[in-house]
Amino acid sequence: MAYPQTFGVVLAGGLARRMGGGDKAHRRIGGRTILERVLDRLRTQCAGLILNANVEAERFADTGLPVTADSLPDFPGPLAGILAGLDWAAKHAPDIEWVVSAPSDCPFLPRDLVARLHEARLYADAELACAGSRNRRHPVVGLWPAALREDLRRALTSEGVRKVGEWAMRYALAVAEWPAGPVDPFFNINTPQDLIEAEQLAARYPEA
């Protein structure tokens, strides 16, 4: 299926408290950083990529990608990162009407993510789409229309909305489901134990 050009924003704006702080995305799995794995999977699916991060852009200089910070103070969460991605795309790629978001700590993201999200959206005649696995939604891995950018800004600044799922449920939302085995494609790394498990999974299933 041909799908509309879609810009990608990789969310690396968290504080990684459960990992002991630092740039979680630069931790390594199988000799490569988590972020390298994420970017490799998204590059061929997106018309362009940016990083949302609330640290010095120089920390991500090796990616060669633009880095944009949240426009809201005090680290309000991934919803602010999605808004930052929509704002960046509106300014630098105004002809692109869709943005896909993904966290920087999901090293096994599907290589058909964007196509499947658009397919689910069209099939359900929905306004938004997000990923799902194990009968669980992953709203941070989502497809967002540029047309809702100001609605999102109002929700964040005037209504205090912080959870991605809460905002997404205001609209017709489609869910694209992926099988969770042998590796859940939305396995995310939050703790040192998760990092160990991801290393083991990558070694056991190198094609995952």
N, C-alpha and C. Protein backbone atom coordinates (compact mmCIF):
# COMPACT_ATOMS: atom_id res chain seq x y z
N MET A 1 0.84 -1.19 0.00
CA MET A 1 0.00 0.00 0.00
C MET A 1 0.88 1.24 0.00
N ALA A 2 0.57 2.16 -0.91
CA ALA A 2 1.24 3.46 -0.88
C ALA A 2 0.57 4.30 0.20
N TYR A 3 1.37 4.98 1.00
CA TYR A 3 0.80 5.79 2.07
C TYR A 3 1.35 7.20 1.96
N PRO A 4 0.66 8.18 2.56
CA PRO A 4 1.12 9.57 2.46
C PRO A 4 2.51 9.75 3.05
N GLN A 5 3.24 10.70 2.51
CA GLN A 5 4.54 11.02 3.10
C GLN A 5 4.36 11.33 4.58
N THR A 6 5.23 10.79 5.38
CA THR A 6 5.09 10.88 6.83
C THR A 6 6.44 11.24 7.45
N PHE A 7 6.42 12.24 8.31
CA PHE A 7 7.64 12.66 8.98
C PHE A 7 7.75 11.93 10.31
N GLY A 8 8.95 11.64 10.75
CA GLY A 8 9.14 10.90 11.99
C GLY A 8 9.78 11.73 13.08
N VAL A 9 9.24 11.62 14.31
CA VAL A 9 9.86 12.25 15.48
C VAL A 9 10.18 11.14 16.48
N VAL A 10 11.44 11.06 16.85
CA VAL A 10 11.90 10.08 17.82
C VAL A 10 12.00 10.79 19.17
N LEU A 11 11.28 10.27 20.14
CA LEU A 11 11.14 10.93 21.43
C LEU A 11 12.25 10.49 22.38
N ALA A 12 13.16 11.40 22.65
CA ALA A 12 14.27 11.12 23.56
C ALA A 12 14.34 12.17 24.65
N GLY A 13 13.17 12.68 25.03
CA GLY A 13 13.13 13.82 25.94
C GLY A 13 13.01 13.47 27.40
N GLY A 14 12.93 12.16 27.74
CA GLY A 14 12.76 11.77 29.13
C GLY A 14 14.03 11.93 29.95
N LEU A 15 13.89 11.74 31.26
CA LEU A 15 15.01 11.91 32.17
C LEU A 15 15.69 10.60 32.54
N ALA A 16 15.12 9.46 32.11
CA ALA A 16 15.72 8.14 32.32
C ALA A 16 16.03 7.89 33.79
N ARG A 17 15.13 8.27 34.67
CA ARG A 17 15.38 8.12 36.11
C ARG A 17 15.56 6.66 36.50
N ARG A 18 14.75 5.76 35.91
CA ARG A 18 14.83 4.35 36.28
C ARG A 18 16.11 3.68 35.76
N MET A 19 16.78 4.36 34.81
CA MET A 19 18.06 3.85 34.33
C MET A 19 19.23 4.50 35.06
N GLY A 20 18.90 5.36 36.02
CA GLY A 20 19.96 6.06 36.73
C GLY A 20 20.36 7.36 36.07
N GLY A 21 19.50 7.87 35.18
CA GLY A 21 19.78 9.12 34.49
C GLY A 21 20.67 8.90 33.27
N GLY A 22 21.04 10.02 32.63
CA GLY A 22 21.88 9.93 31.43
C GLY A 22 21.06 9.70 30.18
N ASP A 23 21.76 9.55 29.07
CA ASP A 23 21.10 9.33 27.78
C ASP A 23 20.83 7.85 27.59
N LYS A 24 19.63 7.44 27.93
CA LYS A 24 19.26 6.04 27.81
C LYS A 24 19.43 5.54 26.39
N ALA A 25 19.12 6.40 25.42
CA ALA A 25 19.17 5.99 24.02
C ALA A 25 20.57 5.61 23.55
N HIS A 26 21.60 6.04 24.30
CA HIS A 26 22.97 5.72 23.91
C HIS A 26 23.51 4.46 24.58
N ARG A 27 22.68 3.79 25.38
CA ARG A 27 23.09 2.48 25.90
C ARG A 27 23.16 1.50 24.73
N ARG A 28 24.01 0.49 24.86
CA ARG A 28 24.29 -0.39 23.73
C ARG A 28 23.64 -1.76 23.85
N ILE A 29 23.21 -2.26 22.70
CA ILE A 29 22.70 -3.63 22.56
C ILE A 29 23.42 -4.24 21.38
N GLY A 30 24.15 -5.31 21.62
CA GLY A 30 24.86 -5.96 20.53
C GLY A 30 25.83 -5.06 19.81
N GLY A 31 26.48 -4.15 20.55
CA GLY A 31 27.47 -3.28 19.95
C GLY A 31 26.93 -2.04 19.28
N ARG A 32 25.60 -1.88 19.27
CA ARG A 32 24.98 -0.70 18.67
C ARG A 32 24.10 -0.02 19.71
N THR A 33 23.99 1.29 19.61
CA THR A 33 23.13 1.98 20.58
C THR A 33 21.67 1.69 20.26
N ILE A 34 20.86 1.83 21.31
CA ILE A 34 19.41 1.66 21.12
C ILE A 34 18.92 2.65 20.07
N LEU A 35 19.42 3.88 20.15
CA LEU A 35 18.98 4.91 19.20
C LEU A 35 19.36 4.54 17.77
N GLU A 36 20.53 4.00 17.54
CA GLU A 36 20.91 3.58 16.19
C GLU A 36 19.92 2.56 15.64
N ARG A 37 19.52 1.63 16.48
CA ARG A 37 18.56 0.62 16.04
C ARG A 37 17.22 1.26 15.67
N VAL A 38 16.77 2.19 16.51
CA VAL A 38 15.50 2.86 16.24
C VAL A 38 15.57 3.64 14.93
N LEU A 39 16.62 4.41 14.74
CA LEU A 39 16.73 5.24 13.54
C LEU A 39 16.84 4.39 12.28
N ASP A 40 17.60 3.30 12.35
CA ASP A 40 17.73 2.43 11.18
C ASP A 40 16.37 1.89 10.75
N ARG A 41 15.51 1.60 11.70
CA ARG A 41 14.21 1.03 11.37
C ARG A 41 13.25 2.08 10.82
N LEU A 42 13.42 3.32 11.23
CA LEU A 42 12.47 4.36 10.80
C LEU A 42 12.90 5.09 9.54
N ARG A 43 14.19 5.16 9.26
CA ARG A 43 14.67 5.99 8.15
C ARG A 43 14.00 5.64 6.83
N THR A 44 13.88 4.37 6.52
CA THR A 44 13.33 3.97 5.23
C THR A 44 11.82 4.13 5.18
N GLN A 45 11.20 4.39 6.32
CA GLN A 45 9.74 4.51 6.36
C GLN A 45 9.26 5.96 6.34
N CYS A 46 10.17 6.90 6.61
CA CYS A 46 9.78 8.28 6.82
C CYS A 46 10.42 9.21 5.79
N ALA A 47 9.73 10.31 5.52
CA ALA A 47 10.26 11.31 4.60
C ALA A 47 11.41 12.08 5.22
N GLY A 48 11.51 12.04 6.52
CA GLY A 48 12.58 12.69 7.26
C GLY A 48 12.42 12.38 8.73
N LEU A 49 13.46 12.61 9.51
CA LEU A 49 13.42 12.32 10.94
C LEU A 49 14.00 13.49 11.73
N ILE A 50 13.45 13.68 12.92
CA ILE A 50 14.05 14.59 13.89
C ILE A 50 14.05 13.90 15.24
N LEU A 51 14.85 14.44 16.15
CA LEU A 51 14.88 13.96 17.52
C LEU A 51 14.26 15.02 18.42
N ASN A 52 13.42 14.59 19.33
CA ASN A 52 12.94 15.47 20.39
C ASN A 52 13.73 15.14 21.65
N ALA A 53 14.51 16.09 22.14
CA ALA A 53 15.33 15.88 23.32
C ALA A 53 15.49 17.18 24.08
N ASN A 54 15.55 17.05 25.39
CA ASN A 54 15.67 18.23 26.25
C ASN A 54 17.06 18.33 26.89
N VAL A 55 18.05 17.98 26.09
CA VAL A 55 19.45 18.11 26.50
C VAL A 55 20.19 18.82 25.37
N GLU A 56 21.48 19.05 25.56
CA GLU A 56 22.26 19.72 24.53
C GLU A 56 22.23 18.91 23.24
N ALA A 57 21.95 19.59 22.14
CA ALA A 57 21.84 18.92 20.85
C ALA A 57 23.13 18.20 20.47
N GLU A 58 24.27 18.68 21.01
CA GLU A 58 25.55 18.07 20.66
C GLU A 58 25.62 16.60 21.06
N ARG A 59 24.84 16.21 22.06
CA ARG A 59 24.86 14.81 22.48
C ARG A 59 24.38 13.87 21.37
N PHE A 60 23.64 14.41 20.43
CA PHE A 60 23.11 13.61 19.34
C PHE A 60 23.73 13.98 18.00
N ALA A 61 24.86 14.66 18.04
CA ALA A 61 25.49 15.14 16.80
C ALA A 61 25.83 13.98 15.87
N ASP A 62 26.13 12.81 16.44
CA ASP A 62 26.53 11.67 15.61
C ASP A 62 25.41 11.18 14.72
N THR A 63 24.15 11.53 15.03
CA THR A 63 23.03 11.09 14.19
C THR A 63 22.88 11.93 12.93
N GLY A 64 23.39 13.15 12.96
CA GLY A 64 23.20 14.06 11.83
C GLY A 64 21.79 14.58 11.70
N LEU A 65 20.97 14.40 12.73
CA LEU A 65 19.56 14.80 12.66
C LEU A 65 19.31 16.10 13.41
N PRO A 66 18.31 16.86 12.98
CA PRO A 66 17.90 18.02 13.77
C PRO A 66 17.39 17.57 15.14
N VAL A 67 17.63 18.39 16.15
CA VAL A 67 17.16 18.11 17.51
C VAL A 67 16.29 19.28 17.95
N THR A 68 15.10 18.97 18.42
CA THR A 68 14.20 20.02 18.89
C THR A 68 13.74 19.68 20.30
N ALA A 69 13.71 20.68 21.16
CA ALA A 69 13.29 20.48 22.54
C ALA A 69 11.79 20.75 22.69
N ASP A 70 11.24 20.34 23.83
CA ASP A 70 9.86 20.68 24.14
C ASP A 70 9.70 22.19 24.17
N SER A 71 8.55 22.65 23.75
CA SER A 71 8.26 24.08 23.86
C SER A 71 7.65 24.42 25.21
N LEU A 72 7.34 23.40 26.02
CA LEU A 72 6.78 23.60 27.34
C LEU A 72 7.84 23.28 28.40
N PRO A 73 7.83 23.97 29.52
CA PRO A 73 8.85 23.73 30.55
C PRO A 73 8.55 22.50 31.40
N ASP A 74 9.53 22.08 32.19
CA ASP A 74 9.37 21.08 33.26
C ASP A 74 9.09 19.67 32.76
N PHE A 75 9.55 19.34 31.58
CA PHE A 75 9.48 17.97 31.06
C PHE A 75 8.06 17.38 31.19
N PRO A 76 7.10 17.93 30.47
CA PRO A 76 5.72 17.47 30.64
C PRO A 76 5.42 16.10 30.03
N GLY A 77 6.39 15.49 29.35
CA GLY A 77 6.17 14.13 28.88
C GLY A 77 6.11 14.02 27.36
N PRO A 78 5.84 12.79 26.87
CA PRO A 78 5.92 12.54 25.43
C PRO A 78 4.91 13.31 24.60
N LEU A 79 3.79 13.70 25.20
CA LEU A 79 2.82 14.48 24.43
C LEU A 79 3.41 15.81 23.98
N ALA A 80 4.24 16.41 24.84
CA ALA A 80 4.93 17.64 24.45
C ALA A 80 5.95 17.37 23.36
N GLY A 81 6.56 16.18 23.37
CA GLY A 81 7.49 15.82 22.31
C GLY A 81 6.79 15.65 20.98
N ILE A 82 5.59 15.09 21.01
CA ILE A 82 4.81 14.96 19.78
C ILE A 82 4.47 16.35 19.23
N LEU A 83 4.08 17.27 20.11
CA LEU A 83 3.81 18.64 19.66
C LEU A 83 5.07 19.26 19.07
N ALA A 84 6.21 19.04 19.69
CA ALA A 84 7.47 19.58 19.15
C ALA A 84 7.73 19.05 17.75
N GLY A 85 7.43 17.76 17.53
CA GLY A 85 7.60 17.18 16.21
C GLY A 85 6.64 17.78 15.19
N LEU A 86 5.40 17.97 15.59
CA LEU A 86 4.41 18.58 14.70
C LEU A 86 4.81 20.02 14.36
N ASP A 87 5.30 20.75 15.36
CA ASP A 87 5.71 22.14 15.11
C ASP A 87 6.91 22.18 14.15
N TRP A 88 7.87 21.29 14.37
CA TRP A 88 9.05 21.29 13.51
C TRP A 88 8.66 20.95 12.08
N ALA A 89 7.81 19.95 11.91
CA ALA A 89 7.40 19.56 10.56
C ALA A 89 6.60 20.68 9.89
N ALA A 90 5.75 21.37 10.65
CA ALA A 90 4.96 22.46 10.07
C ALA A 90 5.86 23.56 9.55
N LYS A 91 6.97 23.80 10.23
CA LYS A 91 7.88 24.86 9.81
C LYS A 91 8.80 24.44 8.68
N HIS A 92 9.32 23.21 8.75
CA HIS A 92 10.37 22.79 7.82
C HIS A 92 9.89 21.86 6.71
N ALA A 93 8.72 21.25 6.88
CA ALA A 93 8.17 20.34 5.86
C ALA A 93 6.67 20.54 5.79
N PRO A 94 6.22 21.76 5.45
CA PRO A 94 4.79 22.08 5.56
C PRO A 94 3.89 21.29 4.63
N ASP A 95 4.45 20.67 3.60
CA ASP A 95 3.62 19.89 2.68
C ASP A 95 3.30 18.49 3.22
N ILE A 96 3.96 18.08 4.28
CA ILE A 96 3.74 16.76 4.84
C ILE A 96 2.65 16.85 5.90
N GLU A 97 1.63 16.04 5.77
CA GLU A 97 0.44 16.15 6.61
C GLU A 97 0.41 15.17 7.76
N TRP A 98 1.41 14.27 7.84
CA TRP A 98 1.40 13.26 8.89
C TRP A 98 2.75 13.16 9.58
N VAL A 99 2.69 12.95 10.88
CA VAL A 99 3.89 12.72 11.68
C VAL A 99 3.70 11.43 12.47
N VAL A 100 4.72 10.60 12.46
CA VAL A 100 4.71 9.39 13.28
C VAL A 100 5.68 9.60 14.43
N SER A 101 5.28 9.17 15.62
CA SER A 101 6.14 9.29 16.79
C SER A 101 6.54 7.90 17.27
N ALA A 102 7.75 7.83 17.81
CA ALA A 102 8.23 6.58 18.40
C ALA A 102 9.23 6.92 19.48
N PRO A 103 9.26 6.16 20.56
CA PRO A 103 10.24 6.43 21.62
C PRO A 103 11.62 5.94 21.21
N SER A 104 12.62 6.55 21.81
CA SER A 104 14.00 6.19 21.48
C SER A 104 14.48 4.97 22.24
N ASP A 105 13.60 4.34 23.02
CA ASP A 105 14.02 3.19 23.83
C ASP A 105 13.34 1.89 23.39
N CYS A 106 12.88 1.83 22.14
CA CYS A 106 12.24 0.62 21.59
C CYS A 106 13.13 0.05 20.50
N PRO A 107 14.06 -0.84 20.83
CA PRO A 107 15.05 -1.29 19.85
C PRO A 107 14.54 -2.27 18.81
N PHE A 108 13.29 -2.77 18.96
CA PHE A 108 12.78 -3.78 18.04
C PHE A 108 11.59 -3.27 17.22
N LEU A 109 11.51 -1.97 17.00
CA LEU A 109 10.38 -1.38 16.27
C LEU A 109 10.15 -2.09 14.93
N PRO A 110 8.89 -2.23 14.52
CA PRO A 110 8.60 -2.91 13.25
C PRO A 110 9.11 -2.12 12.05
N ARG A 111 9.54 -2.84 11.06
CA ARG A 111 10.01 -2.19 9.82
C ARG A 111 8.86 -1.80 8.90
N ASP A 112 7.65 -2.21 9.27
CA ASP A 112 6.45 -1.81 8.52
C ASP A 112 5.53 -0.93 9.35
N LEU A 113 6.11 -0.25 10.33
CA LEU A 113 5.31 0.53 11.28
C LEU A 113 4.42 1.56 10.60
N VAL A 114 5.00 2.41 9.78
CA VAL A 114 4.25 3.53 9.21
C VAL A 114 3.17 3.02 8.26
N ALA A 115 3.50 2.06 7.43
CA ALA A 115 2.51 1.51 6.49
C ALA A 115 1.34 0.90 7.23
N ARG A 116 1.62 0.14 8.28
CA ARG A 116 0.55 -0.53 9.01
C ARG A 116 -0.32 0.46 9.78
N LEU A 117 0.28 1.52 10.30
CA LEU A 117 -0.52 2.54 10.99
C LEU A 117 -1.46 3.24 10.01
N HIS A 118 -0.95 3.59 8.85
CA HIS A 118 -1.83 4.22 7.85
C HIS A 118 -2.91 3.25 7.39
N GLU A 119 -2.55 2.00 7.20
CA GLU A 119 -3.53 1.00 6.78
C GLU A 119 -4.66 0.89 7.81
N ALA A 120 -4.29 0.83 9.09
CA ALA A 120 -5.30 0.73 10.15
C ALA A 120 -6.19 1.97 10.18
N ARG A 121 -5.56 3.13 10.01
CA ARG A 121 -6.33 4.38 10.01
C ARG A 121 -7.35 4.42 8.88
N LEU A 122 -6.91 4.04 7.69
CA LEU A 122 -7.80 4.08 6.54
C LEU A 122 -8.92 3.04 6.66
N TYR A 123 -8.56 1.85 7.11
CA TYR A 123 -9.55 0.77 7.24
C TYR A 123 -10.66 1.16 8.21
N ALA A 124 -10.28 1.83 9.30
CA ALA A 124 -11.25 2.20 10.33
C ALA A 124 -11.86 3.58 10.09
N ASP A 125 -11.42 4.27 9.04
CA ASP A 125 -11.85 5.64 8.78
C ASP A 125 -11.64 6.49 10.03
N ALA A 126 -10.43 6.37 10.61
CA ALA A 126 -10.11 7.04 11.86
C ALA A 126 -9.26 8.28 11.62
N GLU A 127 -9.17 9.12 12.64
CA GLU A 127 -8.36 10.33 12.57
C GLU A 127 -6.92 10.08 12.99
N LEU A 128 -6.72 9.13 13.90
CA LEU A 128 -5.41 8.82 14.44
C LEU A 128 -5.20 7.31 14.41
N ALA A 129 -3.96 6.89 14.59
CA ALA A 129 -3.68 5.46 14.73
C ALA A 129 -2.53 5.29 15.70
N CYS A 130 -2.57 4.18 16.45
CA CYS A 130 -1.44 3.85 17.32
C CYS A 130 -1.18 2.35 17.21
N ALA A 131 -0.05 1.94 17.74
CA ALA A 131 0.35 0.54 17.70
C ALA A 131 -0.24 -0.22 18.88
N GLY A 132 -0.32 -1.54 18.71
CA GLY A 132 -0.76 -2.39 19.79
C GLY A 132 -0.08 -3.74 19.72
N SER A 133 0.08 -4.37 20.89
CA SER A 133 0.56 -5.74 20.99
C SER A 133 0.14 -6.28 22.35
N ARG A 134 0.01 -7.60 22.45
CA ARG A 134 -0.42 -8.23 23.71
C ARG A 134 -1.71 -7.63 24.24
N ASN A 135 -2.63 -7.27 23.32
CA ASN A 135 -3.90 -6.66 23.70
C ASN A 135 -3.71 -5.36 24.50
N ARG A 136 -2.61 -4.69 24.22
CA ARG A 136 -2.31 -3.44 24.91
C ARG A 136 -1.95 -2.37 23.89
N ARG A 137 -2.48 -1.20 24.08
CA ARG A 137 -2.17 -0.09 23.19
C ARG A 137 -0.86 0.57 23.58
N HIS A 138 -0.16 1.07 22.56
CA HIS A 138 1.08 1.81 22.77
C HIS A 138 0.91 3.19 22.12
N PRO A 139 0.18 4.09 22.77
CA PRO A 139 -0.17 5.36 22.12
C PRO A 139 1.01 6.24 21.78
N VAL A 140 2.16 6.07 22.45
CA VAL A 140 3.32 6.89 22.11
C VAL A 140 3.85 6.52 20.72
N VAL A 141 3.58 5.29 20.29
CA VAL A 141 3.92 4.89 18.92
C VAL A 141 2.69 5.17 18.08
N GLY A 142 2.60 6.39 17.56
CA GLY A 142 1.35 6.82 16.95
C GLY A 142 1.54 7.63 15.69
N LEU A 143 0.43 7.80 15.01
CA LEU A 143 0.36 8.54 13.75
C LEU A 143 -0.54 9.74 13.97
N TRP A 144 0.01 10.94 13.71
CA TRP A 144 -0.66 12.18 14.08
C TRP A 144 -0.82 13.10 12.89
N PRO A 145 -2.02 13.61 12.63
CA PRO A 145 -2.20 14.56 11.54
C PRO A 145 -1.77 15.96 11.93
N ALA A 146 -1.09 16.62 11.04
CA ALA A 146 -0.67 18.00 11.30
C ALA A 146 -1.85 18.91 11.59
N ALA A 147 -3.02 18.56 11.07
CA ALA A 147 -4.21 19.39 11.25
C ALA A 147 -4.63 19.51 12.71
N LEU A 148 -4.18 18.59 13.57
CA LEU A 148 -4.56 18.64 14.99
C LEU A 148 -3.52 19.32 15.86
N ARG A 149 -2.55 19.96 15.24
CA ARG A 149 -1.43 20.54 16.00
C ARG A 149 -1.92 21.58 17.02
N GLU A 150 -2.79 22.49 16.63
CA GLU A 150 -3.24 23.52 17.56
C GLU A 150 -4.18 22.95 18.62
N ASP A 151 -4.94 21.91 18.27
CA ASP A 151 -5.76 21.24 19.27
C ASP A 151 -4.87 20.64 20.37
N LEU A 152 -3.77 20.05 19.96
CA LEU A 152 -2.84 19.47 20.93
C LEU A 152 -2.21 20.56 21.78
N ARG A 153 -1.86 21.66 21.19
CA ARG A 153 -1.25 22.76 21.95
C ARG A 153 -2.22 23.26 23.03
N ARG A 154 -3.49 23.40 22.66
CA ARG A 154 -4.48 23.85 23.65
C ARG A 154 -4.64 22.83 24.78
N ALA A 155 -4.66 21.56 24.41
CA ALA A 155 -4.81 20.53 25.43
C ALA A 155 -3.67 20.57 26.43
N LEU A 156 -2.46 20.80 25.94
CA LEU A 156 -1.29 20.84 26.82
C LEU A 156 -1.22 22.12 27.64
N THR A 157 -1.47 23.25 27.01
CA THR A 157 -1.23 24.53 27.68
C THR A 157 -2.44 25.03 28.47
N SER A 158 -3.64 24.74 28.01
CA SER A 158 -4.83 25.28 28.65
C SER A 158 -5.58 24.26 29.50
N GLU A 159 -5.45 22.99 29.15
CA GLU A 159 -6.24 21.96 29.83
C GLU A 159 -5.40 21.04 30.70
N GLY A 160 -4.10 21.16 30.62
CA GLY A 160 -3.25 20.36 31.48
C GLY A 160 -3.19 18.89 31.14
N VAL A 161 -3.55 18.53 29.92
CA VAL A 161 -3.48 17.12 29.51
C VAL A 161 -2.01 16.71 29.39
N ARG A 162 -1.68 15.54 29.90
CA ARG A 162 -0.30 15.08 29.86
C ARG A 162 -0.15 13.67 29.26
N LYS A 163 -1.17 12.86 29.32
CA LYS A 163 -1.06 11.49 28.85
C LYS A 163 -1.44 11.40 27.38
N VAL A 164 -0.59 10.74 26.61
CA VAL A 164 -0.83 10.61 25.17
C VAL A 164 -2.15 9.91 24.91
N GLY A 165 -2.39 8.81 25.62
CA GLY A 165 -3.62 8.06 25.41
C GLY A 165 -4.86 8.86 25.72
N GLU A 166 -4.80 9.69 26.74
CA GLU A 166 -5.95 10.53 27.11
C GLU A 166 -6.31 11.48 25.99
N TRP A 167 -5.29 12.12 25.40
CA TRP A 167 -5.58 13.04 24.30
C TRP A 167 -6.05 12.29 23.06
N ALA A 168 -5.40 11.18 22.75
CA ALA A 168 -5.76 10.43 21.54
C ALA A 168 -7.20 9.94 21.57
N MET A 169 -7.70 9.62 22.75
CA MET A 169 -9.06 9.09 22.85
C MET A 169 -10.13 10.14 22.57
N ARG A 170 -9.74 11.38 22.39
CA ARG A 170 -10.71 12.40 22.00
C ARG A 170 -11.14 12.24 20.54
N TYR A 171 -10.38 11.45 19.80
CA TYR A 171 -10.60 11.33 18.36
C TYR A 171 -10.86 9.87 17.99
N ALA A 172 -11.29 9.67 16.76
CA ALA A 172 -11.46 8.30 16.27
C ALA A 172 -10.07 7.69 16.12
N LEU A 173 -9.80 6.68 16.92
CA LEU A 173 -8.46 6.11 17.01
C LEU A 173 -8.46 4.66 16.53
N ALA A 174 -7.61 4.38 15.55
CA ALA A 174 -7.43 3.00 15.07
C ALA A 174 -6.20 2.41 15.76
N VAL A 175 -6.22 1.10 15.95
CA VAL A 175 -5.09 0.41 16.57
C VAL A 175 -4.59 -0.65 15.60
N ALA A 176 -3.32 -0.56 15.24
CA ALA A 176 -2.68 -1.58 14.40
C ALA A 176 -1.99 -2.58 15.33
N GLU A 177 -2.39 -3.84 15.25
CA GLU A 177 -1.87 -4.87 16.16
C GLU A 177 -0.71 -5.63 15.53
N TRP A 178 0.30 -5.87 16.33
CA TRP A 178 1.44 -6.70 15.93
C TRP A 178 1.53 -7.91 16.84
N PRO A 179 1.97 -9.06 16.33
CA PRO A 179 2.22 -10.21 17.20
C PRO A 179 3.37 -9.91 18.16
N ALA A 180 3.28 -10.47 19.35
CA ALA A 180 4.27 -10.17 20.38
C ALA A 180 5.39 -11.19 20.44
N GLY A 181 5.40 -12.17 19.54
CA GLY A 181 6.46 -13.16 19.59
C GLY A 181 7.16 -13.28 18.25
N PRO A 182 8.40 -13.76 18.25
CA PRO A 182 9.17 -14.14 19.45
C PRO A 182 9.65 -12.93 20.26
N VAL A 183 9.60 -11.72 19.66
CA VAL A 183 9.98 -10.51 20.38
C VAL A 183 8.88 -9.48 20.19
N ASP A 184 8.43 -8.91 21.29
CA ASP A 184 7.44 -7.84 21.20
C ASP A 184 8.11 -6.63 20.54
N PRO A 185 7.61 -6.17 19.39
CA PRO A 185 8.27 -5.05 18.70
C PRO A 185 8.23 -3.74 19.48
N PHE A 186 7.42 -3.70 20.53
CA PHE A 186 7.31 -2.47 21.32
C PHE A 186 7.89 -2.64 22.74
N PHE A 187 8.73 -3.66 22.86
CA PHE A 187 9.51 -3.82 24.09
C PHE A 187 10.32 -2.55 24.30
N ASN A 188 10.14 -1.91 25.46
CA ASN A 188 10.89 -0.69 25.70
C ASN A 188 11.77 -0.84 26.93
N ILE A 189 12.86 -0.11 26.93
CA ILE A 189 13.89 -0.26 27.94
C ILE A 189 13.79 0.88 28.94
N ASN A 190 13.41 0.53 30.16
CA ASN A 190 13.29 1.52 31.22
C ASN A 190 14.27 1.31 32.36
N THR A 191 14.71 0.07 32.56
CA THR A 191 15.54 -0.27 33.71
C THR A 191 16.79 -1.03 33.25
N PRO A 192 17.79 -1.12 34.10
CA PRO A 192 18.97 -1.92 33.75
C PRO A 192 18.60 -3.37 33.43
N GLN A 193 17.60 -3.92 34.11
CA GLN A 193 17.18 -5.29 33.82
C GLN A 193 16.59 -5.39 32.41
N ASP A 194 15.83 -4.39 32.01
CA ASP A 194 15.29 -4.37 30.64
C ASP A 194 16.42 -4.39 29.62
N LEU A 195 17.49 -3.66 29.91
CA LEU A 195 18.63 -3.61 28.99
C LEU A 195 19.27 -4.99 28.85
N ILE A 196 19.39 -5.69 29.95
CA ILE A 196 19.94 -7.06 29.91
C ILE A 196 19.03 -7.96 29.08
N GLU A 197 17.73 -7.86 29.30
CA GLU A 197 16.79 -8.70 28.55
C GLU A 197 16.83 -8.38 27.06
N ALA A 198 16.92 -7.11 26.72
CA ALA A 198 16.99 -6.71 25.31
C ALA A 198 18.24 -7.26 24.65
N GLU A 199 19.35 -7.23 25.37
CA GLU A 199 20.60 -7.80 24.85
C GLU A 199 20.43 -9.28 24.56
N GLN A 200 19.78 -9.99 25.45
CA GLN A 200 19.56 -11.43 25.26
C GLN A 200 18.63 -11.68 24.08
N LEU A 201 17.58 -10.90 23.95
CA LEU A 201 16.64 -11.07 22.83
C LEU A 201 17.32 -10.77 21.50
N ALA A 202 18.12 -9.71 21.45
CA ALA A 202 18.81 -9.36 20.21
C ALA A 202 19.79 -10.46 19.78
N ALA A 203 20.43 -11.09 20.76
CA ALA A 203 21.36 -12.17 20.45
C ALA A 203 20.62 -13.42 19.96
N ARG A 204 19.47 -13.69 20.57
CA ARG A 204 18.72 -14.90 20.24
C ARG A 204 17.96 -14.74 18.92
N TYR A 205 17.46 -13.54 18.67
CA TYR A 205 16.64 -13.28 17.47
C TYR A 205 17.24 -12.11 16.70
N PRO A 206 18.34 -12.30 16.00
CA PRO A 206 19.03 -11.17 15.37
C PRO A 206 18.21 -10.47 14.29
N GLU A 207 17.20 -11.13 13.76
CA GLU A 207 16.36 -10.50 12.72
C GLU A 207 15.19 -9.73 13.31
N ALA A 208 15.01 -9.81 14.61
CA ALA A 208 13.84 -9.15 15.24
C ALA A 208 14.01 -7.64 15.20
